[in-house]
Amino acid sequence: VKGRFTISRDNAKNTVYLQMNSLEREDTAVYYCGA
């Protein structure tokens, strides 16, 4: 996913994000966040 996905977080909102660009069929999955 390098170069296509970007992880970021907003600590003021207690939220982490995953921006996914140039998606491919192989990216099909259930996505989970962990802490």
Full PDB file with SEQRES, HELIX, SHEET, SSBOND, CRYST1, ORIGX, SCALE, CONECT and MASTER records, all heavy atoms in Angstrom:
SEQRES   1 A   35  VAL LYS GLY ARG PHE THR ILE SER ARG ASP ASN ALA LYS          
SEQRES   2 A   35  ASN THR VAL TYR LEU GLN MET ASN SER LEU GLU ARG GLU          
SEQRES   3 A   35  ASP THR ALA VAL TYR TYR CYS GLY ALA                          
HELIX    1 AA1 ARG A   25  ASP A   27  5                                   3    
SHEET    1 AA1 2 PHE A   5  ASP A  10  0                                        
SHEET    2 AA1 2 THR A  15  MET A  20 -1                                        
CRYST1    1.000    1.000    1.000  90.00  90.00  90.00 P 1           1          
ORIGX1      1.000000  0.000000  0.000000        0.00000                         
ORIGX2      0.000000  1.000000  0.000000        0.00000                         
ORIGX3      0.000000  0.000000  1.000000        0.00000                         
SCALE1      1.000000  0.000000  0.000000        0.00000                         
SCALE2      0.000000  1.000000  0.000000        0.00000                         
SCALE3      0.000000  0.000000  1.000000        0.00000                         
ATOM      1  N   VAL A   1       0.811  -1.220   0.000  1.00  0.00           N  
ATOM      2  CA  VAL A   1       0.000   0.000   0.000  1.00  0.00           C  
ATOM      3  C   VAL A   1       0.843   1.268   0.000  1.00  0.00           C  
ATOM      4  O   VAL A   1       0.305   2.373  -0.116  1.00  0.00           O  
ATOM      5  CB  VAL A   1      -0.963   0.037   1.203  1.00  0.00           C  
ATOM      6  CG1 VAL A   1      -1.815  -1.228   1.243  1.00  0.00           C  
ATOM      7  CG2 VAL A   1      -0.229   0.255   2.518  1.00  0.00           C  
ATOM      8  N   LYS A   2       2.146   1.107   0.105  1.00  0.00           N  
ATOM      9  CA  LYS A   2       3.030   2.272   0.186  1.00  0.00           C  
ATOM     10  C   LYS A   2       2.867   3.138  -1.060  1.00  0.00           C  
ATOM     11  O   LYS A   2       2.855   2.642  -2.189  1.00  0.00           O  
ATOM     12  CB  LYS A   2       4.479   1.792   0.324  1.00  0.00           C  
ATOM     13  CG  LYS A   2       5.445   2.823   0.859  1.00  0.00           C  
ATOM     14  CD  LYS A   2       6.793   2.176   1.148  1.00  0.00           C  
ATOM     15  CE  LYS A   2       6.692   1.141   2.237  1.00  0.00           C  
ATOM     16  NZ  LYS A   2       8.024   0.541   2.569  1.00  0.00           N  
ATOM     17  N   GLY A   3       2.730   4.431  -0.836  1.00  0.00           N  
ATOM     18  CA  GLY A   3       2.546   5.361  -1.939  1.00  0.00           C  
ATOM     19  C   GLY A   3       1.100   5.558  -2.341  1.00  0.00           C  
ATOM     20  O   GLY A   3       0.782   6.476  -3.096  1.00  0.00           O  
ATOM     21  N   ARG A   4       0.220   4.696  -1.848  1.00  0.00           N  
ATOM     22  CA  ARG A   4      -1.210   4.807  -2.190  1.00  0.00           C  
ATOM     23  C   ARG A   4      -2.055   5.145  -0.959  1.00  0.00           C  
ATOM     24  O   ARG A   4      -3.062   5.849  -1.078  1.00  0.00           O  
ATOM     25  CB  ARG A   4      -1.716   3.498  -2.787  1.00  0.00           C  
ATOM     26  CG  ARG A   4      -1.013   3.088  -4.058  1.00  0.00           C  
ATOM     27  CD  ARG A   4      -1.707   1.871  -4.710  1.00  0.00           C  
ATOM     28  NE  ARG A   4      -1.669   0.683  -3.858  1.00  0.00           N  
ATOM     29  CZ  ARG A   4      -2.764   0.032  -3.447  1.00  0.00           C  
ATOM     30  NH1 ARG A   4      -3.963   0.453  -3.792  1.00  0.00           N  
ATOM     31  NH2 ARG A   4      -2.645  -1.051  -2.680  1.00  0.00           N  
ATOM     32  N   PHE A   5      -1.670   4.631   0.200  1.00  0.00           N  
ATOM     33  CA  PHE A   5      -2.427   4.840   1.432  1.00  0.00           C  
ATOM     34  C   PHE A   5      -1.669   5.787   2.349  1.00  0.00           C  
ATOM     35  O   PHE A   5      -0.430   5.802   2.365  1.00  0.00           O  
ATOM     36  CB  PHE A   5      -2.634   3.520   2.165  1.00  0.00           C  
ATOM     37  CG  PHE A   5      -3.569   2.553   1.509  1.00  0.00           C  
ATOM     38  CD1 PHE A   5      -4.034   2.732   0.209  1.00  0.00           C  
ATOM     39  CD2 PHE A   5      -4.012   1.429   2.200  1.00  0.00           C  
ATOM     40  CE1 PHE A   5      -4.887   1.827  -0.394  1.00  0.00           C  
ATOM     41  CE2 PHE A   5      -4.868   0.520   1.622  1.00  0.00           C  
ATOM     42  CZ  PHE A   5      -5.301   0.715   0.324  1.00  0.00           C  
ATOM     43  N   THR A   6      -2.420   6.548   3.133  1.00  0.00           N  
ATOM     44  CA  THR A   6      -1.820   7.442   4.124  1.00  0.00           C  
ATOM     45  C   THR A   6      -2.559   7.307   5.443  1.00  0.00           C  
ATOM     46  O   THR A   6      -3.789   7.462   5.485  1.00  0.00           O  
ATOM     47  CB  THR A   6      -1.874   8.899   3.658  1.00  0.00           C  
ATOM     48  OG1 THR A   6      -1.197   9.033   2.405  1.00  0.00           O  
ATOM     49  CG2 THR A   6      -1.205   9.814   4.677  1.00  0.00           C  
ATOM     50  N   ILE A   7      -1.823   7.031   6.497  1.00  0.00           N  
ATOM     51  CA  ILE A   7      -2.401   6.969   7.834  1.00  0.00           C  
ATOM     52  C   ILE A   7      -2.124   8.292   8.533  1.00  0.00           C  
ATOM     53  O   ILE A   7      -1.034   8.874   8.393  1.00  0.00           O  
ATOM     54  CB  ILE A   7      -1.840   5.782   8.642  1.00  0.00           C  
ATOM     55  CG1 ILE A   7      -2.584   5.610   9.957  1.00  0.00           C  
ATOM     56  CG2 ILE A   7      -0.335   5.925   8.866  1.00  0.00           C  
ATOM     57  CD1 ILE A   7      -2.229   4.319  10.707  1.00  0.00           C  
ATOM     58  N   SER A   8      -3.113   8.769   9.270  1.00  0.00           N  
ATOM     59  CA  SER A   8      -2.948   9.997  10.037  1.00  0.00           C  
ATOM     60  C   SER A   8      -3.831   9.920  11.260  1.00  0.00           C  
ATOM     61  O   SER A   8      -4.658   9.025  11.383  1.00  0.00           O  
ATOM     62  CB  SER A   8      -3.311  11.220   9.180  1.00  0.00           C  
ATOM     63  OG  SER A   8      -4.672  11.167   8.780  1.00  0.00           O  
ATOM     64  N   ARG A   9      -3.645  10.854  12.158  1.00  0.00           N  
ATOM     65  CA  ARG A   9      -4.477  10.879  13.357  1.00  0.00           C  
ATOM     66  C   ARG A   9      -4.726  12.308  13.785  1.00  0.00           C  
ATOM     67  O   ARG A   9      -3.891  13.207  13.569  1.00  0.00           O  
ATOM     68  CB  ARG A   9      -3.821  10.088  14.479  1.00  0.00           C  
ATOM     69  CG  ARG A   9      -2.496  10.624  14.978  1.00  0.00           C  
ATOM     70  CD  ARG A   9      -1.820   9.615  15.930  1.00  0.00           C  
ATOM     71  NE  ARG A   9      -2.573   9.453  17.176  1.00  0.00           N  
ATOM     72  CZ  ARG A   9      -2.466   8.376  17.965  1.00  0.00           C  
ATOM     73  NH1 ARG A   9      -1.643   7.385  17.636  1.00  0.00           N  
ATOM     74  NH2 ARG A   9      -3.173   8.308  19.091  1.00  0.00           N  
ATOM     75  N   ASP A  10      -5.882  12.505  14.396  1.00  0.00           N  
ATOM     76  CA  ASP A  10      -6.243  13.785  14.981  1.00  0.00           C  
ATOM     77  C   ASP A  10      -6.454  13.528  16.466  1.00  0.00           C  
ATOM     78  O   ASP A  10      -7.507  13.019  16.866  1.00  0.00           O  
ATOM     79  CB  ASP A  10      -7.515  14.331  14.320  1.00  0.00           C  
ATOM     80  CG  ASP A  10      -7.872  15.717  14.805  1.00  0.00           C  
ATOM     81  OD1 ASP A  10      -7.433  16.109  15.906  1.00  0.00           O  
ATOM     82  OD2 ASP A  10      -8.605  16.414  14.093  1.00  0.00           O  
ATOM     83  N   ASN A  11      -5.468  13.851  17.246  1.00  0.00           N  
ATOM     84  CA  ASN A  11      -5.531  13.523  18.673  1.00  0.00           C  
ATOM     85  C   ASN A  11      -6.577  14.351  19.413  1.00  0.00           C  
ATOM     86  O   ASN A  11      -7.047  13.945  20.471  1.00  0.00           O  
ATOM     87  CB  ASN A  11      -4.162  13.688  19.312  1.00  0.00           C  
ATOM     88  CG  ASN A  11      -3.216  12.562  18.926  1.00  0.00           C  
ATOM     89  OD1 ASN A  11      -3.649  11.484  18.505  1.00  0.00           O  
ATOM     90  ND2 ASN A  11      -1.920  12.790  19.045  1.00  0.00           N  
ATOM     91  N   ALA A  12      -6.949  15.473  18.854  1.00  0.00           N  
ATOM     92  CA  ALA A  12      -8.003  16.272  19.470  1.00  0.00           C  
ATOM     93  C   ALA A  12      -9.378  15.632  19.274  1.00  0.00           C  
ATOM     94  O   ALA A  12     -10.300  15.885  20.054  1.00  0.00           O  
ATOM     95  CB  ALA A  12      -8.009  17.677  18.878  1.00  0.00           C  
ATOM     96  N   LYS A  13      -9.489  14.804  18.236  1.00  0.00           N  
ATOM     97  CA  LYS A  13     -10.766  14.139  17.939  1.00  0.00           C  
ATOM     98  C   LYS A  13     -10.744  12.655  18.282  1.00  0.00           C  
ATOM     99  O   LYS A  13     -11.712  11.935  17.999  1.00  0.00           O  
ATOM    100  CB  LYS A  13     -11.116  14.312  16.465  1.00  0.00           C  
ATOM    101  CG  LYS A  13     -11.369  15.756  16.052  1.00  0.00           C  
ATOM    102  CD  LYS A  13     -11.784  15.850  14.598  1.00  0.00           C  
ATOM    103  CE  LYS A  13     -12.088  17.292  14.220  1.00  0.00           C  
ATOM    104  NZ  LYS A  13     -12.494  17.404  12.791  1.00  0.00           N  
ATOM    105  N   ASN A  14      -9.646  12.182  18.849  1.00  0.00           N  
ATOM    106  CA  ASN A  14      -9.523  10.750  19.185  1.00  0.00           C  
ATOM    107  C   ASN A  14      -9.799   9.861  17.975  1.00  0.00           C  
ATOM    108  O   ASN A  14     -10.475   8.827  18.085  1.00  0.00           O  
ATOM    109  CB  ASN A  14     -10.480  10.360  20.326  1.00  0.00           C  
ATOM    110  CG  ASN A  14     -10.001  10.833  21.675  1.00  0.00           C  
ATOM    111  OD1 ASN A  14      -9.119  11.687  21.763  1.00  0.00           O  
ATOM    112  ND2 ASN A  14     -10.583  10.304  22.737  1.00  0.00           N  
ATOM    113  N   THR A  15      -9.275  10.253  16.848  1.00  0.00           N  
ATOM    114  CA  THR A  15      -9.589   9.553  15.597  1.00  0.00           C  
ATOM    115  C   THR A  15      -8.320   9.309  14.784  1.00  0.00           C  
ATOM    116  O   THR A  15      -7.461  10.195  14.698  1.00  0.00           O  
ATOM    117  CB  THR A  15     -10.596  10.358  14.764  1.00  0.00           C  
ATOM    118  OG1 THR A  15     -11.782  10.562  15.540  1.00  0.00           O  
ATOM    119  CG2 THR A  15     -10.955   9.629  13.481  1.00  0.00           C  
ATOM    120  N   VAL A  16      -8.253   8.130  14.201  1.00  0.00           N  
ATOM    121  CA  VAL A  16      -7.201   7.808  13.245  1.00  0.00           C  
ATOM    122  C   VAL A  16      -7.847   7.562  11.888  1.00  0.00           C  
ATOM    123  O   VAL A  16      -8.975   7.061  11.811  1.00  0.00           O  
ATOM    124  CB  VAL A  16      -6.378   6.586  13.712  1.00  0.00           C  
ATOM    125  CG1 VAL A  16      -7.234   5.336  13.812  1.00  0.00           C  
ATOM    126  CG2 VAL A  16      -5.175   6.349  12.809  1.00  0.00           C  
ATOM    127  N   TYR A  17      -7.154   7.952  10.840  1.00  0.00           N  
ATOM    128  CA  TYR A  17      -7.690   7.867   9.485  1.00  0.00           C  
ATOM    129  C   TYR A  17      -6.795   7.006   8.605  1.00  0.00           C  
ATOM    130  O   TYR A  17      -5.606   6.847   8.853  1.00  0.00           O  
ATOM    131  CB  TYR A  17      -7.777   9.266   8.866  1.00  0.00           C  
ATOM    132  CG  TYR A  17      -8.588  10.240   9.666  1.00  0.00           C  
ATOM    133  CD1 TYR A  17      -7.959  11.146  10.516  1.00  0.00           C  
ATOM    134  CD2 TYR A  17      -9.971  10.267   9.568  1.00  0.00           C  
ATOM    135  CE1 TYR A  17      -8.695  12.052  11.267  1.00  0.00           C  
ATOM    136  CE2 TYR A  17     -10.716  11.172  10.313  1.00  0.00           C  
ATOM    137  CZ  TYR A  17     -10.074  12.057  11.156  1.00  0.00           C  
ATOM    138  OH  TYR A  17     -10.815  12.948  11.889  1.00  0.00           O  
ATOM    139  N   LEU A  18      -7.398   6.480   7.558  1.00  0.00           N  
ATOM    140  CA  LEU A  18      -6.643   5.799   6.519  1.00  0.00           C  
ATOM    141  C   LEU A  18      -7.181   6.304   5.184  1.00  0.00           C  
ATOM    142  O   LEU A  18      -8.291   5.950   4.786  1.00  0.00           O  
ATOM    143  CB  LEU A  18      -6.776   4.280   6.611  1.00  0.00           C  
ATOM    144  CG  LEU A  18      -5.908   3.508   5.624  1.00  0.00           C  
ATOM    145  CD1 LEU A  18      -4.425   3.668   5.982  1.00  0.00           C  
ATOM    146  CD2 LEU A  18      -6.280   2.026   5.608  1.00  0.00           C  
ATOM    147  N   GLN A  19      -6.419   7.158   4.538  1.00  0.00           N  
ATOM    148  CA  GLN A  19      -6.767   7.639   3.211  1.00  0.00           C  
ATOM    149  C   GLN A  19      -6.240   6.633   2.198  1.00  0.00           C  
ATOM    150  O   GLN A  19      -5.039   6.361   2.151  1.00  0.00           O  
ATOM    151  CB  GLN A  19      -6.141   9.008   2.956  1.00  0.00           C  
ATOM    152  CG  GLN A  19      -6.407   9.565   1.572  1.00  0.00           C  
ATOM    153  CD  GLN A  19      -7.869   9.879   1.341  1.00  0.00           C  
ATOM    154  OE1 GLN A  19      -8.531  10.461   2.191  1.00  0.00           O  
ATOM    155  NE2 GLN A  19      -8.387   9.481   0.179  1.00  0.00           N  
ATOM    156  N   MET A  20      -7.143   6.109   1.387  1.00  0.00           N  
ATOM    157  CA  MET A  20      -6.787   5.081   0.421  1.00  0.00           C  
ATOM    158  C   MET A  20      -7.043   5.597  -0.979  1.00  0.00           C  
ATOM    159  O   MET A  20      -8.186   5.894  -1.336  1.00  0.00           O  
ATOM    160  CB  MET A  20      -7.594   3.804   0.678  1.00  0.00           C  
ATOM    161  CG  MET A  20      -7.501   3.295   2.101  1.00  0.00           C  
ATOM    162  SD  MET A  20      -8.316   1.711   2.344  1.00  0.00           S  
ATOM    163  CE  MET A  20     -10.002   2.167   2.054  1.00  0.00           C  
ATOM    164  N   ASN A  21      -5.994   5.728  -1.744  1.00  0.00           N  
ATOM    165  CA  ASN A  21      -6.084   6.197  -3.126  1.00  0.00           C  
ATOM    166  C   ASN A  21      -5.645   5.095  -4.090  1.00  0.00           C  
ATOM    167  O   ASN A  21      -5.007   4.121  -3.695  1.00  0.00           O  
ATOM    168  CB  ASN A  21      -5.201   7.430  -3.315  1.00  0.00           C  
ATOM    169  CG  ASN A  21      -5.624   8.594  -2.458  1.00  0.00           C  
ATOM    170  OD1 ASN A  21      -6.792   8.776  -2.137  1.00  0.00           O  
ATOM    171  ND2 ASN A  21      -4.653   9.408  -2.064  1.00  0.00           N  
ATOM    172  N   SER A  22      -5.988   5.269  -5.345  1.00  0.00           N  
ATOM    173  CA  SER A  22      -5.605   4.304  -6.382  1.00  0.00           C  
ATOM    174  C   SER A  22      -5.930   2.878  -5.952  1.00  0.00           C  
ATOM    175  O   SER A  22      -5.113   1.954  -6.055  1.00  0.00           O  
ATOM    176  CB  SER A  22      -4.109   4.423  -6.695  1.00  0.00           C  
ATOM    177  OG  SER A  22      -3.782   5.729  -7.106  1.00  0.00           O  
ATOM    178  N   LEU A  23      -7.150   2.693  -5.498  1.00  0.00           N  
ATOM    179  CA  LEU A  23      -7.541   1.386  -4.970  1.00  0.00           C  
ATOM    180  C   LEU A  23      -7.525   0.325  -6.056  1.00  0.00           C  
ATOM    181  O   LEU A  23      -7.868   0.581  -7.225  1.00  0.00           O  
ATOM    182  CB  LEU A  23      -8.912   1.482  -4.319  1.00  0.00           C  
ATOM    183  CG  LEU A  23      -8.893   2.125  -2.922  1.00  0.00           C  
ATOM    184  CD1 LEU A  23     -10.280   2.613  -2.532  1.00  0.00           C  
ATOM    185  CD2 LEU A  23      -8.374   1.131  -1.899  1.00  0.00           C  
ATOM    186  N   GLU A  24      -7.149  -0.871  -5.634  1.00  0.00           N  
ATOM    187  CA  GLU A  24      -7.064  -2.020  -6.525  1.00  0.00           C  
ATOM    188  C   GLU A  24      -7.992  -3.117  -5.992  1.00  0.00           C  
ATOM    189  O   GLU A  24      -8.347  -3.134  -4.817  1.00  0.00           O  
ATOM    190  CB  GLU A  24      -5.624  -2.530  -6.556  1.00  0.00           C  
ATOM    191  CG  GLU A  24      -4.609  -1.477  -6.976  1.00  0.00           C  
ATOM    192  CD  GLU A  24      -3.166  -1.906  -6.728  1.00  0.00           C  
ATOM    193  OE1 GLU A  24      -2.960  -2.992  -6.117  1.00  0.00           O  
ATOM    194  OE2 GLU A  24      -2.248  -1.165  -7.151  1.00  0.00           O  
ATOM    195  N   ARG A  25      -8.340  -4.037  -6.882  1.00  0.00           N  
ATOM    196  CA  ARG A  25      -9.222  -5.138  -6.468  1.00  0.00           C  
ATOM    197  C   ARG A  25      -8.619  -5.897  -5.296  1.00  0.00           C  
ATOM    198  O   ARG A  25      -9.336  -6.386  -4.419  1.00  0.00           O  
ATOM    199  CB  ARG A  25      -9.481  -6.078  -7.630  1.00  0.00           C  
ATOM    200  CG  ARG A  25     -10.423  -5.517  -8.673  1.00  0.00           C  
ATOM    201  CD  ARG A  25     -10.828  -6.599  -9.652  1.00  0.00           C  
ATOM    202  NE  ARG A  25     -11.586  -7.675  -9.017  1.00  0.00           N  
ATOM    203  CZ  ARG A  25     -11.973  -8.774  -9.604  1.00  0.00           C  
ATOM    204  NH1 ARG A  25     -11.657  -8.985 -10.869  1.00  0.00           N  
ATOM    205  NH2 ARG A  25     -12.669  -9.686  -8.971  1.00  0.00           N  
ATOM    206  N   GLU A  26      -7.306  -5.979  -5.276  1.00  0.00           N  
ATOM    207  CA  GLU A  26      -6.620  -6.710  -4.208  1.00  0.00           C  
ATOM    208  C   GLU A  26      -6.748  -6.029  -2.842  1.00  0.00           C  
ATOM    209  O   GLU A  26      -6.401  -6.617  -1.819  1.00  0.00           O  
ATOM    210  CB  GLU A  26      -5.139  -6.877  -4.552  1.00  0.00           C  
ATOM    211  CG  GLU A  26      -4.856  -7.788  -5.748  1.00  0.00           C  
ATOM    212  CD  GLU A  26      -5.243  -7.161  -7.082  1.00  0.00           C  
ATOM    213  OE1 GLU A  26      -5.281  -5.915  -7.170  1.00  0.00           O  
ATOM    214  OE2 GLU A  26      -5.499  -7.924  -8.039  1.00  0.00           O  
ATOM    215  N   ASP A  27      -7.246  -4.808  -2.825  1.00  0.00           N  
ATOM    216  CA  ASP A  27      -7.456  -4.106  -1.558  1.00  0.00           C  
ATOM    217  C   ASP A  27      -8.783  -4.484  -0.909  1.00  0.00           C  
ATOM    218  O   ASP A  27      -9.060  -4.063   0.226  1.00  0.00           O  
ATOM    219  CB  ASP A  27      -7.416  -2.589  -1.770  1.00  0.00           C  
ATOM    220  CG  ASP A  27      -6.061  -2.097  -2.249  1.00  0.00           C  
ATOM    221  OD1 ASP A  27      -5.034  -2.567  -1.722  1.00  0.00           O  
ATOM    222  OD2 ASP A  27      -6.033  -1.245  -3.159  1.00  0.00           O  
ATOM    223  N   THR A  28      -9.591  -5.251  -1.605  1.00  0.00           N  
ATOM    224  CA  THR A  28     -10.873  -5.684  -1.065  1.00  0.00           C  
ATOM    225  C   THR A  28     -10.668  -6.513   0.197  1.00  0.00           C  
ATOM    226  O   THR A  28      -9.947  -7.515   0.177  1.00  0.00           O  
ATOM    227  CB  THR A  28     -11.651  -6.494  -2.107  1.00  0.00           C  
ATOM    228  OG1 THR A  28     -11.984  -5.632  -3.209  1.00  0.00           O  
ATOM    229  CG2 THR A  28     -12.928  -7.070  -1.508  1.00  0.00           C  
ATOM    230  N   ALA A  29     -11.278  -6.081   1.290  1.00  0.00           N  
ATOM    231  CA  ALA A  29     -11.107  -6.757   2.574  1.00  0.00           C  
ATOM    232  C   ALA A  29     -11.957  -6.052   3.620  1.00  0.00           C  
ATOM    233  O   ALA A  29     -12.497  -4.973   3.369  1.00  0.00           O  
ATOM    234  CB  ALA A  29      -9.636  -6.722   3.017  1.00  0.00           C  
ATOM    235  N   VAL A  30     -12.036  -6.667   4.788  1.00  0.00           N  
ATOM    236  CA  VAL A  30     -12.547  -5.971   5.962  1.00  0.00           C  
ATOM    237  C   VAL A  30     -11.358  -5.291   6.630  1.00  0.00           C  
ATOM    238  O   VAL A  30     -10.332  -5.947   6.884  1.00  0.00           O  
ATOM    239  CB  VAL A  30     -13.235  -6.933   6.937  1.00  0.00           C  
ATOM    240  CG1 VAL A  30     -13.704  -6.178   8.179  1.00  0.00           C  
ATOM    241  CG2 VAL A  30     -14.409  -7.634   6.266  1.00  0.00           C  
ATOM    242  N   TYR A  31     -11.502  -4.021   6.883  1.00  0.00           N  
ATOM    243  CA  TYR A  31     -10.421  -3.235   7.477  1.00  0.00           C  
ATOM    244  C   TYR A  31     -10.714  -3.005   8.960  1.00  0.00           C  
ATOM    245  O   TYR A  31     -11.823  -2.589   9.323  1.00  0.00           O  
ATOM    246  CB  TYR A  31     -10.267  -1.902   6.750  1.00  0.00           C  
ATOM    247  CG  TYR A  31      -9.575  -2.042   5.425  1.00  0.00           C  
ATOM    248  CD1 TYR A  31     -10.202  -2.670   4.347  1.00  0.00           C  
ATOM    249  CD2 TYR A  31      -8.275  -1.583   5.243  1.00  0.00           C  
ATOM    250  CE1 TYR A  31      -9.550  -2.832   3.125  1.00  0.00           C  
ATOM    251  CE2 TYR A  31      -7.620  -1.733   4.025  1.00  0.00           C  
ATOM    252  CZ  TYR A  31      -8.260  -2.354   2.981  1.00  0.00           C  
ATOM    253  OH  TYR A  31      -7.614  -2.511   1.774  1.00  0.00           O  
ATOM    254  N   TYR A  32      -9.695  -3.270   9.771  1.00  0.00           N  
ATOM    255  CA  TYR A  32      -9.808  -3.127  11.204  1.00  0.00           C  
ATOM    256  C   TYR A  32      -8.784  -2.131  11.734  1.00  0.00           C  
ATOM    257  O   TYR A  32      -7.639  -2.106  11.258  1.00  0.00           O  
ATOM    258  CB  TYR A  32      -9.536  -4.466  11.900  1.00  0.00           C  
ATOM    259  CG  TYR A  32     -10.461  -5.584  11.537  1.00  0.00           C  
ATOM    260  CD1 TYR A  32     -10.179  -6.435  10.472  1.00  0.00           C  
ATOM    261  CD2 TYR A  32     -11.631  -5.810  12.268  1.00  0.00           C  
ATOM    262  CE1 TYR A  32     -11.027  -7.478  10.137  1.00  0.00           C  
ATOM    263  CE2 TYR A  32     -12.480  -6.853  11.943  1.00  0.00           C  
ATOM    264  CZ  TYR A  32     -12.176  -7.677  10.883  1.00  0.00           C  
ATOM    265  OH  TYR A  32     -13.023  -8.710  10.556  1.00  0.00           O  
ATOM    266  N   CYS A  33      -9.201  -1.348  12.703  1.00  0.00           N  
ATOM    267  CA  CYS A  33      -8.195  -0.546  13.394  1.00  0.00           C  
ATOM    268  C   CYS A  33      -7.909  -1.174  14.743  1.00  0.00           C  
ATOM    269  O   CYS A  33      -8.777  -1.807  15.352  1.00  0.00           O  
ATOM    270  CB  CYS A  33      -8.614   0.907  13.533  1.00  0.00           C  
ATOM    271  SG  CYS A  33      -9.934   1.230  14.709  1.00  0.00           S  
ATOM    272  N   GLY A  34      -6.675  -1.014  15.170  1.00  0.00           N  
ATOM    273  CA  GLY A  34      -6.236  -1.552  16.435  1.00  0.00           C  
ATOM    274  C   GLY A  34      -5.549  -0.468  17.247  1.00  0.00           C  
ATOM    275  O   GLY A  34      -5.015   0.494  16.699  1.00  0.00           O  
ATOM    276  N   ALA A  35      -5.577  -0.666  18.568  1.00  0.00           N  
ATOM    277  CA  ALA A  35      -4.956   0.292  19.471  1.00  0.00           C  
ATOM    278  C   ALA A  35      -3.992  -0.417  20.409  1.00  0.00           C  
ATOM    279  O   ALA A  35      -4.315  -1.473  20.954  1.00  0.00           O  
ATOM    280  CB  ALA A  35      -6.023   1.019  20.289  1.00  0.00           C  
TER     281      ALA A  35                                                      
MASTER        0    0    0    1    2    0    0    6  280    1    0    3          
END                                                                             
